[in-house]
Amino acid sequence: MSQVLVAYFSASGVTKKVAEKIAKAAEAEIYEIQPKVIYTTEDLDWKNKESRSSIEMADHGSRPEIVDIDAPVSDAEVVFLGFPIWWYIAPTIVNTFLEKYDFSGKKIVLFATSGGSGFGETVENLKKSVSVNTEIVEGKLLNGDPSQEEIAAWVKTVVTV
């Protein structure tokens, strides 16, 4: 079995629930990407151009600080990386996480939750934050409340459990 890590950022708890199901299905360690400053409801108001999330996403070079609790990246061969889709890409805090660790030679499989948008240019955007020998693949949008069985079936297509 490959060493698997499930890392995720969840501003409202939706992505966290999916990450927990993936970790269970993959028998993987789980790691939460936590912002140093927690996002409030006002921060997440995408309709307000002055909200924190709107400002960060308007600047693709934005790198919100994270609380680092030593993600167990070095032992992982495969990393499931989850987040909500914001403006058709991953929130820039995900770039912060990717730039903090060495993912050389690893396979990163993306999963996301979304209110309606797809992955857009997420893969291309995140590749800028890792070394060239890191494989990033568009995984799956997991909206709604996918069952543990659905998640397990998808995980088996990515790793042998």
C-alpha atoms as a PDB file:
ATOM      1  CA  MET A   1       0.000   0.000   0.000  1.00  0.00           C
ATOM      2  CA  SER A   2       1.201   3.500  -0.823  1.00  0.00           C
ATOM      3  CA  GLN A   3       1.742   5.888   2.040  1.00  0.00           C
ATOM      4  CA  VAL A   4      -1.192   8.280   1.769  1.00  0.00           C
ATOM      5  CA  LEU A   5      -1.877  11.665   3.304  1.00  0.00           C
ATOM      6  CA  VAL A   6      -5.123  13.601   3.114  1.00  0.00           C
ATOM      7  CA  ALA A   7      -4.492  17.344   3.485  1.00  0.00           C
ATOM      8  CA  TYR A   8      -7.307  19.834   3.283  1.00  0.00           C
ATOM      9  CA  PHE A   9      -8.387  23.421   3.793  1.00  0.00           C
ATOM     10  CA  SER A  10     -11.972  23.949   4.855  1.00  0.00           C
ATOM     11  CA  ALA A  11     -13.308  27.431   5.589  1.00  0.00           C
ATOM     12  CA  SER A  12     -16.830  26.333   6.518  1.00  0.00           C
ATOM     13  CA  GLY A  13     -16.538  22.633   7.384  1.00  0.00           C
ATOM     14  CA  VAL A  14     -17.890  21.202   4.116  1.00  0.00           C
ATOM     15  CA  THR A  15     -14.518  20.119   2.718  1.00  0.00           C
ATOM     16  CA  LYS A  16     -13.506  18.768   6.140  1.00  0.00           C
ATOM     17  CA  LYS A  17     -16.352  16.218   6.097  1.00  0.00           C
ATOM     18  CA  VAL A  18     -15.283  14.972   2.666  1.00  0.00           C
ATOM     19  CA  ALA A  19     -11.608  14.839   3.721  1.00  0.00           C
ATOM     20  CA  GLU A  20     -12.503  12.688   6.711  1.00  0.00           C
ATOM     21  CA  LYS A  21     -14.317  10.222   4.450  1.00  0.00           C
ATOM     22  CA  ILE A  22     -11.339  10.066   2.076  1.00  0.00           C
ATOM     23  CA  ALA A  23      -8.928   9.492   4.978  1.00  0.00           C
ATOM     24  CA  LYS A  24     -11.100   6.658   6.251  1.00  0.00           C
ATOM     25  CA  ALA A  25     -11.366   5.062   2.795  1.00  0.00           C
ATOM     26  CA  ALA A  26      -7.627   5.376   2.131  1.00  0.00           C
ATOM     27  CA  GLU A  27      -6.622   4.433   5.681  1.00  0.00           C
ATOM     28  CA  ALA A  28      -4.608   7.637   5.580  1.00  0.00           C
ATOM     29  CA  GLU A  29      -3.312  10.213   7.961  1.00  0.00           C
ATOM     30  CA  ILE A  30      -5.209  13.499   7.827  1.00  0.00           C
ATOM     31  CA  TYR A  31      -3.886  17.051   8.080  1.00  0.00           C
ATOM     32  CA  GLU A  32      -5.856  20.285   8.230  1.00  0.00           C
ATOM     33  CA  ILE A  33      -4.377  23.365   6.566  1.00  0.00           C
ATOM     34  CA  GLN A  34      -5.285  25.990   9.125  1.00  0.00           C
ATOM     35  CA  PRO A  35      -5.112  29.721   8.494  1.00  0.00           C
ATOM     36  CA  LYS A  36      -3.239  31.754  11.095  1.00  0.00           C
ATOM     37  CA  VAL A  37      -6.234  34.095  11.042  1.00  0.00           C
ATOM     38  CA  ILE A  38      -9.527  32.186  10.847  1.00  0.00           C
ATOM     39  CA  TYR A  39     -11.940  33.188   8.086  1.00  0.00           C
ATOM     40  CA  THR A  40     -15.143  34.762   9.345  1.00  0.00           C
ATOM     41  CA  THR A  41     -18.466  34.722   7.524  1.00  0.00           C
ATOM     42  CA  GLU A  42     -17.772  38.293   6.431  1.00  0.00           C
ATOM     43  CA  ASP A  43     -14.333  37.254   5.138  1.00  0.00           C
ATOM     44  CA  LEU A  44     -15.967  34.612   2.935  1.00  0.00           C
ATOM     45  CA  ASP A  45     -18.578  36.916   1.373  1.00  0.00           C
ATOM     46  CA  TRP A  46     -17.659  36.537  -2.296  1.00  0.00           C
ATOM     47  CA  LYS A  47     -20.238  39.155  -3.265  1.00  0.00           C
ATOM     48  CA  ASN A  48     -18.319  41.817  -1.321  1.00  0.00           C
ATOM     49  CA  LYS A  49     -15.254  42.930  -3.295  1.00  0.00           C
ATOM     50  CA  GLU A  50     -13.720  44.207  -0.040  1.00  0.00           C
ATOM     51  CA  SER A  51     -14.016  40.865   1.790  1.00  0.00           C
ATOM     52  CA  ARG A  52     -10.811  39.058   2.733  1.00  0.00           C
ATOM     53  CA  SER A  53     -11.422  36.155   0.343  1.00  0.00           C
ATOM     54  CA  SER A  54     -12.187  38.528  -2.553  1.00  0.00           C
ATOM     55  CA  ILE A  55      -9.015  40.518  -1.931  1.00  0.00           C
ATOM     56  CA  GLU A  56      -6.854  37.382  -1.627  1.00  0.00           C
ATOM     57  CA  MET A  57      -8.285  35.801  -4.743  1.00  0.00           C
ATOM     58  CA  ALA A  58      -7.847  38.992  -6.770  1.00  0.00           C
ATOM     59  CA  ASP A  59      -4.114  38.723  -6.042  1.00  0.00           C
ATOM     60  CA  HIS A  60      -2.862  35.297  -7.161  1.00  0.00           C
ATOM     61  CA  GLY A  61       0.404  36.066  -5.377  1.00  0.00           C
ATOM     62  CA  SER A  62      -1.388  36.334  -2.039  1.00  0.00           C
ATOM     63  CA  ARG A  63      -0.117  33.775   0.490  1.00  0.00           C
ATOM     64  CA  PRO A  64      -2.220  33.772   3.655  1.00  0.00           C
ATOM     65  CA  GLU A  65      -0.221  32.530   6.625  1.00  0.00           C
ATOM     66  CA  ILE A  66      -0.919  29.061   7.948  1.00  0.00           C
ATOM     67  CA  VAL A  67      -0.584  27.542  11.391  1.00  0.00           C
ATOM     68  CA  ASP A  68       2.052  24.920  10.808  1.00  0.00           C
ATOM     69  CA  ILE A  69       1.840  21.747  12.816  1.00  0.00           C
ATOM     70  CA  ASP A  70       4.327  19.786  10.724  1.00  0.00           C
ATOM     71  CA  ALA A  71       2.308  18.099   8.006  1.00  0.00           C
ATOM     72  CA  PRO A  72       3.578  14.528   7.516  1.00  0.00           C
ATOM     73  CA  VAL A  73       4.348  15.154   3.851  1.00  0.00           C
ATOM     74  CA  SER A  74       7.758  13.472   3.716  1.00  0.00           C
ATOM     75  CA  ASP A  75       6.334   9.981   4.344  1.00  0.00           C
ATOM     76  CA  ALA A  76       3.551  10.273   1.770  1.00  0.00           C
ATOM     77  CA  GLU A  77       3.747   8.974  -1.769  1.00  0.00           C
ATOM     78  CA  VAL A  78       0.223  10.140  -2.600  1.00  0.00           C
ATOM     79  CA  VAL A  79      -1.386  13.270  -1.187  1.00  0.00           C
ATOM     80  CA  PHE A  80      -5.108  13.859  -1.557  1.00  0.00           C
ATOM     81  CA  LEU A  81      -5.392  17.654  -1.395  1.00  0.00           C
ATOM     82  CA  GLY A  82      -8.810  19.157  -0.786  1.00  0.00           C
ATOM     83  CA  PHE A  83     -10.295  22.627  -0.700  1.00  0.00           C
ATOM     84  CA  PRO A  84     -13.355  24.629  -1.700  1.00  0.00           C
ATOM     85  CA  ILE A  85     -13.208  26.117  -5.193  1.00  0.00           C
ATOM     86  CA  TRP A  86     -12.985  29.903  -5.052  1.00  0.00           C
ATOM     87  CA  TRP A  87     -13.141  31.852  -8.317  1.00  0.00           C
ATOM     88  CA  TYR A  88     -12.470  28.655 -10.347  1.00  0.00           C
ATOM     89  CA  ILE A  89      -9.207  27.879  -8.538  1.00  0.00           C
ATOM     90  CA  ALA A  90      -7.978  26.748  -5.133  1.00  0.00           C
ATOM     91  CA  PRO A  91      -7.829  29.391  -2.404  1.00  0.00           C
ATOM     92  CA  THR A  92      -4.357  30.917  -2.248  1.00  0.00           C
ATOM     93  CA  ILE A  93      -3.833  29.405   1.211  1.00  0.00           C
ATOM     94  CA  VAL A  94      -3.424  26.078  -0.625  1.00  0.00           C
ATOM     95  CA  ASN A  95      -0.469  27.606  -2.504  1.00  0.00           C
ATOM     96  CA  THR A  96       0.960  28.640   0.877  1.00  0.00           C
ATOM     97  CA  PHE A  97       0.795  24.995   1.993  1.00  0.00           C
ATOM     98  CA  LEU A  98       2.339  23.645  -1.209  1.00  0.00           C
ATOM     99  CA  GLU A  99       5.200  26.137  -1.062  1.00  0.00           C
ATOM    100  CA  LYS A 100       5.983  25.287   2.570  1.00  0.00           C
ATOM    101  CA  TYR A 101       6.799  21.609   1.929  1.00  0.00           C
ATOM    102  CA  ASP A 102       8.776  19.528  -0.567  1.00  0.00           C
ATOM    103  CA  PHE A 103       6.431  17.497  -2.746  1.00  0.00           C
ATOM    104  CA  SER A 104       9.159  16.298  -5.140  1.00  0.00           C
ATOM    105  CA  GLY A 105       8.340  12.896  -6.612  1.00  0.00           C
ATOM    106  CA  LYS A 106       4.886  12.799  -5.049  1.00  0.00           C
ATOM    107  CA  LYS A 107       1.490  12.487  -6.656  1.00  0.00           C
ATOM    108  CA  ILE A 108      -1.057  15.067  -5.534  1.00  0.00           C
ATOM    109  CA  VAL A 109      -4.671  14.186  -6.254  1.00  0.00           C
ATOM    110  CA  LEU A 110      -7.025  17.118  -5.939  1.00  0.00           C
ATOM    111  CA  PHE A 111     -10.536  16.980  -4.552  1.00  0.00           C
ATOM    112  CA  ALA A 112     -12.793  19.934  -4.078  1.00  0.00           C
ATOM    113  CA  THR A 113     -16.162  21.138  -2.980  1.00  0.00           C
ATOM    114  CA  SER A 114     -17.955  23.892  -4.818  1.00  0.00           C
ATOM    115  CA  GLY A 115     -21.161  25.814  -4.890  1.00  0.00           C
ATOM    116  CA  GLY A 116     -21.312  25.425  -8.644  1.00  0.00           C
ATOM    117  CA  SER A 117     -17.982  26.022 -10.331  1.00  0.00           C
ATOM    118  CA  GLY A 118     -15.606  23.384 -11.612  1.00  0.00           C
ATOM    119  CA  PHE A 119     -11.828  23.033 -11.247  1.00  0.00           C
ATOM    120  CA  GLY A 120     -11.214  25.671 -13.919  1.00  0.00           C
ATOM    121  CA  GLU A 121      -7.480  26.436 -13.984  1.00  0.00           C
ATOM    122  CA  THR A 122      -6.786  24.927 -10.563  1.00  0.00           C
ATOM    123  CA  VAL A 123      -4.222  22.346 -11.685  1.00  0.00           C
ATOM    124  CA  GLU A 124      -2.216  24.846 -13.727  1.00  0.00           C
ATOM    125  CA  ASN A 125      -2.306  27.371 -10.899  1.00  0.00           C
ATOM    126  CA  LEU A 126      -1.144  24.908  -8.237  1.00  0.00           C
ATOM    127  CA  LYS A 127       1.659  23.495 -10.404  1.00  0.00           C
ATOM    128  CA  LYS A 128       3.366  26.883 -10.038  1.00  0.00           C
ATOM    129  CA  SER A 129       3.772  26.169  -6.302  1.00  0.00           C
ATOM    130  CA  VAL A 130       5.557  22.795  -6.522  1.00  0.00           C
ATOM    131  CA  SER A 131       8.682  21.396  -8.159  1.00  0.00           C
ATOM    132  CA  VAL A 132       8.493  20.163 -11.747  1.00  0.00           C
ATOM    133  CA  ASN A 133       8.761  16.525 -10.690  1.00  0.00           C
ATOM    134  CA  THR A 134       5.578  16.712  -8.630  1.00  0.00           C
ATOM    135  CA  GLU A 135       2.511  15.264 -10.322  1.00  0.00           C
ATOM    136  CA  ILE A 136      -0.727  17.151  -9.714  1.00  0.00           C
ATOM    137  CA  VAL A 137      -3.886  15.597 -11.096  1.00  0.00           C
ATOM    138  CA  GLU A 138      -7.433  16.869 -11.164  1.00  0.00           C
ATOM    139  CA  GLY A 139      -9.281  14.435  -8.994  1.00  0.00           C
ATOM    140  CA  LYS A 140     -12.928  14.881  -8.268  1.00  0.00           C
ATOM    141  CA  LEU A 141     -15.521  17.459  -7.296  1.00  0.00           C
ATOM    142  CA  LEU A 142     -17.286  16.010  -4.277  1.00  0.00           C
ATOM    143  CA  ASN A 143     -20.328  18.189  -3.782  1.00  0.00           C
ATOM    144  CA  GLY A 144     -23.388  17.456  -1.733  1.00  0.00           C
ATOM    145  CA  ASP A 145     -22.865  14.709   0.776  1.00  0.00           C
ATOM    146  CA  PRO A 146     -21.190  11.802  -1.033  1.00  0.00           C
ATOM    147  CA  SER A 147     -21.552   8.489   0.762  1.00  0.00           C
ATOM    148  CA  GLN A 148     -18.623   6.651   2.297  1.00  0.00           C
ATOM    149  CA  GLU A 149     -19.129   3.957  -0.366  1.00  0.00           C
ATOM    150  CA  GLU A 150     -18.916   6.497  -3.224  1.00  0.00           C
ATOM    151  CA  ILE A 151     -15.755   7.966  -1.732  1.00  0.00           C
ATOM    152  CA  ALA A 152     -14.201   4.534  -1.187  1.00  0.00           C
ATOM    153  CA  ALA A 153     -14.906   3.521  -4.791  1.00  0.00           C
ATOM    154  CA  TRP A 154     -13.172   6.663  -6.064  1.00  0.00           C
ATOM    155  CA  VAL A 155     -10.205   6.295  -3.704  1.00  0.00           C
ATOM    156  CA  LYS A 156      -9.644   2.740  -5.006  1.00  0.00           C
ATOM    157  CA  THR A 157      -9.187   4.145  -8.508  1.00  0.00           C
ATOM    158  CA  VAL A 158      -6.311   6.279  -7.189  1.00  0.00           C
ATOM    159  CA  VAL A 159      -4.543   4.091  -4.591  1.00  0.00           C
ATOM    160  CA  THR A 160      -4.567   0.475  -3.513  1.00  0.00           C
ATOM    161  CA  VAL A 161      -5.943   0.228  -0.008  1.00  0.00           C
END
